[in-house]
């Protein structure tokens, strides 16, 4: 809504400036009408009607464009059901309320836009206007107002560009974040557990899947996302001062870390010897080791997990690099890993690394499962890359929408400033610099509201503000060049003779 408001403000300033310039050129017409007895209210009404005609045409074009853009907006919405944005698919459409609101807004802006040249007309005196009827230059009040509109457009454009620039940097850094594993050719698939002996069923299924053509490696995990479960834990022999602390929890198969291609930092990984009858073991991530075993080696120490109303003691046998559990902007949490045969979870999820495109492996993996038990319901395979894409879908939506508004703002500002600077004959660049300066102040104030949308970049970023400045200075130079060139090519004698 903020971006929409700024673009609307730029548009109003744009059209107001152009209509003010047009009213200056029509001063002789207005003067003649006043001399013939036409009332000022009627002239003001004429300006308002002309403006409403323009706003009505803009309304019609805007509604058509909105209708076309709804489909494009749907492609930007994340497909995950965990995001509230997905429910907008049933809500976004052009209905009566939208049309009524658009008509009201269009009419209001049309009247506001018309007031500037209308008020200028109200100040005209017949005597002075007749003497200067042929002069098409602005008076001091009009010139001052024109300059203010130029400054306003630059200021609004700076705020929009600064916000879009921050989101661009945030999105780029979000795409480059280290997830602690290689998501390429990695996929997840629910594995329903049936039969009286679930462990035997899982073991047979894993043997079939690992020998399936196209499967590079496979393992088990306890949830459809990494580190989604939470359990309290403590350290045996050295209790934490504040009591149990919360950690993420995952029950995984023996080849889990090899499938993910994570780094082993200390100790060893789970293996086939860590059976249900073997001593209980666990692994921890780097964050837990750093926070709770600072300055000492956690391997060989015992960790106590408050697992489903029982205290389970496990010996730490290894430390793995961090595996990101949540969205990129969320910090990595301490995590405990237990071996599946020793502490299986109620639901099982296959994690599979394929040799080719994992999207095409769903049927082959499903057939491998059905070769063990045909009563197992069908599951859908989902690539980890698509899951990560869902995580950044909302920031991508913000970036695309605000970026589109910023591009529209620059285009509108460039067109409007070119038109208005054609009538402002002095101090052109100083107006642009003043507008950029005011925009800086607005950007510093308003981009602080975007802190929750940013990742790895401060709300006030000197590089972004510098880039915005250079861009708008280039726009100002382009907008000033054509009027200045046209002025230098004019014949002074001919101009004086005309006036």
Foldseek 3Di string as FASTA:
>chain_A
DLLVVLLLLLLLLLLLLLVLLVLLVCLLVLLVCVVVPDDLVVVLVVLLVVLLVVLVVVLVVVVVVLQVCVVVLLVLAFPDPVDPSPVCNVVDDDDPVNSVVSNVVSSVSSSVSSVNNSVVSVPDDNVVCVVCVLPSADDPVSLVSLLVSLLSLLLSLLQLLLLLLQLVVQLVVLVVDDQQFDQPQKKKKWDDADDPDRVVLVVQLLVLLCPQAFFPHKKKKADPFPLPAKWWKAFPPDGDPVGTDIFGEMAMAQCVCVQRVGDWDDFDTHDPVCAQPDAWAKEKEPVCCCPPVPPHDQQQTWMWTCPPNDTDIHGHGTYIYFRAGARSQDDGTIYMYTYCNNPNHNIMMMITRGPDRNQVCQVSSQVSSVVSPVPTDRIHMDRVVSVNVSSCSVSSSVSVVSVVSSVSSLVSSLVSLLSSLLNNPDPQVVSSVSSLVSSLVVNVVPLVVCVVSGHPADSDDPVSSVVSVVVSSVSSCVSNVVSVVVVVPDDVVVVVVSD
